Amino acid sequence: MRKVAITGTIGSGKSECSKLIKKLGFSVFNCDEEVHKMYLNTHPAYQEIVNLFPTCVHEDGIHRNEIAKIIFSEDEKKKKLEKLIYHYLLPQLLYAMENEKKPIFFAEVPLLFENGWDKYFDECMFVKTRDEIAIERLVTYRNMDREDAVKRLENQKITINSTIPMTIINNDDTVIELEEQINNWIRKREEN
């Protein structure tokens, strides 16, 4: 089985790639979706997040937007949250890998290189788009204000220091063109 990570900056279109891969019959382990579950009071990580960010807890639960504002301005808090999240997330990712039945295992991993998780994969699909397009997507589809979108994108500049094979997926154009790139990529892997 080939293990493939899908990564890129915020707003690059990783989720759209995942959607197209699922459409072809593959499953995709989504790290962001698993992290979102940690903010539910039924998850083992919940109380630890509450302890780390007590001012972000209200009657209706943890407010992730408030946590995001804190971690983008307080690096120490960001590191503590990431350590906590990855403590729970990595075992889930490895379990999903071990139990994949298809010939290719896909995982959408936003901070692949920053966390050193590229060592768990055979190959990487790096989704790339121009900053202006990423910012517009964040404003339009995630309802971020422009200043917040710019700040988050600037905070996610990726330095690639990896030896795993990488395919650049350019997501500046239409979904049809993106789908064509994904289809070609999968067809080549299935031929080998």
Protein backbone atom coordinates (compact mmCIF):
# COMPACT_ATOMS: atom_id res chain seq x y z
CA MET A 1 0.00 0.00 0.00
CA ARG A 2 1.24 3.47 -0.93
CA LYS A 3 0.84 6.17 1.77
CA VAL A 4 0.21 9.64 0.35
CA ALA A 5 -0.04 12.92 2.26
CA ILE A 6 -2.03 15.84 0.89
CA THR A 7 -0.66 19.13 2.20
CA GLY A 8 -0.37 22.84 1.44
CA THR A 9 -1.08 26.16 3.11
CA ILE A 10 -4.44 27.27 4.42
CA GLY A 11 -6.81 28.11 1.55
CA SER A 12 -4.75 26.21 -1.04
CA GLY A 13 -7.52 23.69 -1.75
CA LYS A 14 -6.44 20.57 0.13
CA SER A 15 -10.05 19.77 1.01
CA GLU A 16 -11.16 20.15 -2.59
CA CYS A 17 -8.44 17.68 -3.63
CA SER A 18 -9.61 15.28 -0.92
CA LYS A 19 -13.18 15.58 -2.16
CA LEU A 20 -12.10 14.69 -5.71
CA ILE A 21 -10.04 11.73 -4.44
CA LYS A 22 -13.06 10.44 -2.48
CA LYS A 23 -15.15 10.80 -5.63
CA LEU A 24 -12.77 8.29 -7.23
CA GLY A 25 -13.54 5.75 -4.50
CA PHE A 26 -10.65 6.31 -2.10
CA SER A 27 -10.96 7.31 1.54
CA VAL A 28 -9.03 10.27 2.96
CA PHE A 29 -8.03 10.62 6.60
CA ASN A 30 -8.63 14.29 7.41
CA CYS A 31 -6.50 15.65 10.25
CA ASP A 32 -8.55 18.86 10.57
CA GLU A 33 -11.79 16.91 11.00
CA GLU A 34 -10.19 14.77 13.70
CA VAL A 35 -8.88 17.87 15.49
CA HIS A 36 -12.36 19.46 15.42
CA LYS A 37 -13.68 16.43 17.32
CA MET A 38 -11.22 17.22 20.13
CA TYR A 39 -13.21 20.38 20.90
CA LEU A 40 -16.30 18.31 21.75
CA ASN A 41 -16.85 17.61 25.45
CA THR A 42 -16.99 13.87 24.72
CA HIS A 43 -13.35 13.74 23.53
CA PRO A 44 -10.49 12.87 25.93
CA ALA A 45 -8.57 16.01 24.82
CA TYR A 46 -11.45 18.37 25.66
CA GLN A 47 -10.60 18.99 29.32
CA GLU A 48 -6.93 19.51 28.51
CA ILE A 49 -7.88 22.17 25.92
CA VAL A 50 -10.21 23.80 28.49
CA ASN A 51 -7.34 23.88 31.01
CA LEU A 52 -5.04 25.49 28.45
CA PHE A 53 -7.59 28.09 27.26
CA PRO A 54 -10.08 28.69 30.11
CA THR A 55 -11.10 32.13 28.80
CA CYS A 56 -12.24 30.57 25.51
CA VAL A 57 -14.85 28.33 27.13
CA HIS A 58 -18.44 29.57 27.25
CA GLU A 59 -21.82 28.01 28.01
CA ASP A 60 -22.05 26.66 24.46
CA GLY A 61 -18.54 25.12 24.55
CA ILE A 62 -15.06 26.03 23.37
CA HIS A 63 -14.83 28.92 20.91
CA ARG A 64 -12.18 27.88 18.40
CA ASN A 65 -12.02 31.36 16.84
CA GLU A 66 -10.95 32.81 20.20
CA ILE A 67 -8.27 30.13 20.54
CA ALA A 68 -7.07 30.89 17.00
CA LYS A 69 -6.59 34.57 17.89
CA ILE A 70 -4.55 33.62 20.96
CA ILE A 71 -2.30 31.08 19.26
CA PHE A 72 -1.50 33.41 16.37
CA SER A 73 -0.22 35.99 18.84
CA GLU A 74 1.24 33.77 21.61
CA ASP A 75 3.74 31.28 20.24
CA GLU A 76 4.13 29.40 23.54
CA LYS A 77 0.37 28.70 23.74
CA LYS A 78 0.42 27.59 20.12
CA LYS A 79 3.20 25.09 20.80
CA LYS A 80 1.37 23.68 23.84
CA LEU A 81 -1.86 23.25 21.88
CA GLU A 82 -0.07 21.59 18.96
CA LYS A 83 1.73 19.18 21.30
CA LEU A 84 -1.59 18.26 22.92
CA ILE A 85 -3.38 17.81 19.60
CA TYR A 86 -0.63 15.73 18.01
CA HIS A 87 -0.49 13.50 21.07
CA TYR A 88 -4.04 12.37 20.21
CA LEU A 89 -3.90 12.76 16.43
CA LEU A 90 -0.81 10.74 15.48
CA PRO A 91 -2.08 7.41 16.90
CA GLN A 92 -5.36 7.91 15.00
CA LEU A 93 -3.48 8.57 11.76
CA LEU A 94 -1.25 5.51 12.18
CA TYR A 95 -4.24 3.33 13.06
CA ALA A 96 -6.07 4.49 9.91
CA MET A 97 -2.97 3.71 7.84
CA GLU A 98 -2.67 0.20 9.28
CA ASN A 99 -6.30 -0.56 8.56
CA GLU A 100 -6.55 0.82 5.00
CA LYS A 101 -7.68 -1.85 2.53
CA LYS A 102 -7.18 0.11 -0.70
CA PRO A 103 -3.84 0.21 -2.59
CA ILE A 104 -3.36 3.92 -1.75
CA PHE A 105 -3.86 5.51 1.67
CA PHE A 106 -4.52 9.26 1.56
CA ALA A 107 -4.33 11.68 4.48
CA GLU A 108 -4.92 15.42 4.45
CA VAL A 109 -2.18 16.74 6.76
CA PRO A 110 -1.92 20.55 7.00
CA LEU A 111 1.39 20.75 8.91
CA LEU A 112 3.07 17.72 7.37
CA PHE A 113 6.66 19.01 7.19
CA GLU A 114 6.51 21.26 10.25
CA ASN A 115 5.65 18.24 12.43
CA GLY A 116 8.06 15.85 10.74
CA TRP A 117 5.17 13.58 9.76
CA ASP A 118 6.45 13.22 6.20
CA LYS A 119 8.45 10.24 7.54
CA TYR A 120 5.18 8.26 7.77
CA PHE A 121 4.43 8.71 4.05
CA ASP A 122 5.81 7.44 0.75
CA GLU A 123 4.78 10.46 -1.26
CA CYS A 124 3.24 13.92 -1.01
CA MET A 125 0.71 15.87 -3.04
CA PHE A 126 1.53 19.51 -2.36
CA VAL A 127 -1.47 21.70 -3.20
CA LYS A 128 -0.42 25.18 -4.20
CA THR A 129 -2.23 28.39 -5.08
CA ARG A 130 -1.39 32.08 -5.28
CA ASP A 131 -1.72 33.99 -2.00
CA GLU A 132 -4.40 36.31 -3.40
CA ILE A 133 -6.57 33.31 -4.33
CA ALA A 134 -6.06 31.64 -0.93
CA ILE A 135 -7.03 34.86 0.87
CA GLU A 136 -10.14 35.25 -1.28
CA ARG A 137 -11.17 31.65 -0.53
CA LEU A 138 -10.72 32.18 3.22
CA VAL A 139 -12.81 35.35 3.12
CA THR A 140 -15.52 33.85 0.89
CA TYR A 141 -15.83 30.28 2.14
CA ARG A 142 -14.68 30.51 5.76
CA ASN A 143 -16.10 33.96 6.49
CA MET A 144 -12.75 35.30 7.75
CA ASP A 145 -12.08 38.98 7.63
CA ARG A 146 -9.32 39.85 5.19
CA GLU A 147 -6.80 40.87 7.87
CA ASP A 148 -7.22 37.56 9.71
CA ALA A 149 -6.90 35.59 6.45
CA VAL A 150 -3.65 37.40 5.56
CA LYS A 151 -2.26 36.83 9.08
CA ARG A 152 -3.07 33.10 9.02
CA LEU A 153 -1.54 32.65 5.57
CA GLU A 154 1.63 34.50 6.60
CA ASN A 155 1.85 32.28 9.68
CA GLN A 156 1.80 29.14 7.50
CA LYS A 157 4.76 29.68 5.21
CA ILE A 158 6.04 26.16 4.56
CA THR A 159 9.69 25.20 4.45
CA ILE A 160 10.10 21.86 2.75
CA ASN A 161 13.02 19.83 4.00
CA SER A 162 12.04 16.33 2.97
CA THR A 163 13.25 13.53 0.77
CA ILE A 164 9.88 11.99 -0.06
CA PRO A 165 8.72 12.30 -3.68
CA MET A 166 6.44 15.26 -4.20
CA THR A 167 3.91 16.23 -6.83
CA ILE A 168 2.87 19.88 -7.03
CA ILE A 169 -0.87 20.24 -7.59
CA ASN A 170 -1.55 23.73 -8.95
CA ASN A 171 -4.94 24.95 -7.77
CA ASP A 172 -5.09 28.42 -9.32
CA ASP A 173 -7.73 27.57 -11.91
CA THR A 174 -11.04 25.71 -12.12
CA VAL A 175 -12.21 22.60 -10.26
CA ILE A 176 -12.32 20.82 -13.63
CA GLU A 177 -8.59 21.47 -14.14
CA LEU A 178 -7.88 20.39 -10.57
CA GLU A 179 -9.86 17.19 -11.12
CA GLU A 180 -7.86 16.48 -14.28
CA GLN A 181 -4.58 16.77 -12.34
CA ILE A 182 -5.88 14.41 -9.63
CA ASN A 183 -7.14 11.89 -12.20
CA ASN A 184 -3.80 11.93 -14.04
CA TRP A 185 -1.89 11.49 -10.78
CA ILE A 186 -3.98 8.48 -9.72
CA ARG A 187 -3.89 6.92 -13.19
CA LYS A 188 -0.05 7.06 -13.19
CA ARG A 189 0.12 5.41 -9.74
CA GLU A 190 -2.30 2.67 -10.75
CA GLU A 191 -0.21 1.92 -13.85
CA ASN A 192 2.94 1.37 -11.75
